[in-house]
């Protein structure tokens, strides 16, 4: 299932790369695309719950404001 995650706190390409890496490390996740300009990530979350996606991002220091 494709998800769009709104993220606050990304300021540079290193930030977006860290979010990409954290999400891609979750089992079953594919097609991760993080936009620094839009402050969001779009991905196929597989069977991961919204809570798991949120935790992966917040564990590396960013804030999730919405998951759709």
C-alpha atoms as a PDB file:
ATOM      1  CA  UNK A   1       0.000   0.000   0.000  1.00  0.00           C
ATOM      2  CA  UNK A   2       1.398   3.386  -1.003  1.00  0.00           C
ATOM      3  CA  UNK A   3       1.734   5.976   1.759  1.00  0.00           C
ATOM      4  CA  UNK A   4       2.610   9.660   1.821  1.00  0.00           C
ATOM      5  CA  UNK A   5       4.326  10.760   5.019  1.00  0.00           C
ATOM      6  CA  UNK A   6       4.620  14.456   5.911  1.00  0.00           C
ATOM      7  CA  UNK A   7       7.893  15.125   7.736  1.00  0.00           C
ATOM      8  CA  UNK A   8       9.188  18.193   9.576  1.00  0.00           C
ATOM      9  CA  UNK A   9      12.812  18.896  10.390  1.00  0.00           C
ATOM     10  CA  UNK A  10      14.555  17.969   7.146  1.00  0.00           C
ATOM     11  CA  UNK A  11      16.938  20.762   6.168  1.00  0.00           C
ATOM     12  CA  UNK A  12      19.381  19.271   3.662  1.00  0.00           C
ATOM     13  CA  UNK A  13      20.086  16.357   1.337  1.00  0.00           C
ATOM     14  CA  UNK A  14      21.729  14.456   4.206  1.00  0.00           C
ATOM     15  CA  UNK A  15      18.425  14.659   6.098  1.00  0.00           C
ATOM     16  CA  UNK A  16      16.417  13.286   3.191  1.00  0.00           C
ATOM     17  CA  UNK A  17      19.015  10.552   2.649  1.00  0.00           C
ATOM     18  CA  UNK A  18      18.748   9.542   6.320  1.00  0.00           C
ATOM     19  CA  UNK A  19      14.952   9.297   6.041  1.00  0.00           C
ATOM     20  CA  UNK A  20      15.264   7.264   2.839  1.00  0.00           C
ATOM     21  CA  UNK A  21      17.695   4.866   4.520  1.00  0.00           C
ATOM     22  CA  UNK A  22      15.539   4.476   7.655  1.00  0.00           C
ATOM     23  CA  UNK A  23      12.382   3.714   5.673  1.00  0.00           C
ATOM     24  CA  UNK A  24      14.119   1.409   3.181  1.00  0.00           C
ATOM     25  CA  UNK A  25      15.494  -0.639   6.102  1.00  0.00           C
ATOM     26  CA  UNK A  26      11.971  -1.711   7.108  1.00  0.00           C
ATOM     27  CA  UNK A  27      11.006  -5.162   5.795  1.00  0.00           C
ATOM     28  CA  UNK A  28       8.755  -5.062   2.743  1.00  0.00           C
ATOM     29  CA  UNK A  29       9.238  -1.349   2.026  1.00  0.00           C
ATOM     30  CA  UNK A  30      10.017  -0.399  -1.572  1.00  0.00           C
ATOM     31  CA  UNK A  31       9.982   2.579  -3.891  1.00  0.00           C
ATOM     32  CA  UNK A  32      10.998   5.145  -1.271  1.00  0.00           C
ATOM     33  CA  UNK A  33      11.073   8.699  -2.633  1.00  0.00           C
ATOM     34  CA  UNK A  34      11.830  11.550  -0.212  1.00  0.00           C
ATOM     35  CA  UNK A  35      11.303  15.174  -1.256  1.00  0.00           C
ATOM     36  CA  UNK A  36      13.185  17.728   0.810  1.00  0.00           C
ATOM     37  CA  UNK A  37      11.309  20.587  -0.883  1.00  0.00           C
ATOM     38  CA  UNK A  38       7.862  19.111  -0.179  1.00  0.00           C
ATOM     39  CA  UNK A  39       8.806  17.734   3.226  1.00  0.00           C
ATOM     40  CA  UNK A  40       7.413  14.313   2.502  1.00  0.00           C
ATOM     41  CA  UNK A  41       8.173  10.721   1.678  1.00  0.00           C
ATOM     42  CA  UNK A  42       6.185   8.527  -0.700  1.00  0.00           C
ATOM     43  CA  UNK A  43       6.667   4.778  -0.531  1.00  0.00           C
ATOM     44  CA  UNK A  44       5.131   1.351  -0.839  1.00  0.00           C
ATOM     45  CA  UNK A  45       4.890   0.493   2.857  1.00  0.00           C
ATOM     46  CA  UNK A  46       4.224  -3.193   2.320  1.00  0.00           C
ATOM     47  CA  UNK A  47       2.611  -4.600   5.467  1.00  0.00           C
ATOM     48  CA  UNK A  48       4.182  -2.012   7.804  1.00  0.00           C
ATOM     49  CA  UNK A  49       1.815  -0.140  10.092  1.00  0.00           C
ATOM     50  CA  UNK A  50       1.672   3.644  10.263  1.00  0.00           C
ATOM     51  CA  UNK A  51       3.148   3.352  13.763  1.00  0.00           C
ATOM     52  CA  UNK A  52       6.187   1.460  12.420  1.00  0.00           C
ATOM     53  CA  UNK A  53       6.755   4.069   9.708  1.00  0.00           C
ATOM     54  CA  UNK A  54       6.413   6.898  12.246  1.00  0.00           C
ATOM     55  CA  UNK A  55       8.827   5.201  14.651  1.00  0.00           C
ATOM     56  CA  UNK A  56      11.480   4.680  11.960  1.00  0.00           C
ATOM     57  CA  UNK A  57      11.459   8.406  11.133  1.00  0.00           C
ATOM     58  CA  UNK A  58      11.122   9.762  14.659  1.00  0.00           C
ATOM     59  CA  UNK A  59      13.931   7.485  15.900  1.00  0.00           C
ATOM     60  CA  UNK A  60      16.368   9.408  13.689  1.00  0.00           C
ATOM     61  CA  UNK A  61      15.201  12.797  14.939  1.00  0.00           C
ATOM     62  CA  UNK A  62      12.487  14.008  12.570  1.00  0.00           C
ATOM     63  CA  UNK A  63       8.815  14.719  13.256  1.00  0.00           C
ATOM     64  CA  UNK A  64       5.986  13.008  11.381  1.00  0.00           C
ATOM     65  CA  UNK A  65       2.999  15.329  11.028  1.00  0.00           C
ATOM     66  CA  UNK A  66       0.741  13.104   8.895  1.00  0.00           C
ATOM     67  CA  UNK A  67       0.561   9.719   7.190  1.00  0.00           C
ATOM     68  CA  UNK A  68      -1.924   9.265   4.363  1.00  0.00           C
END
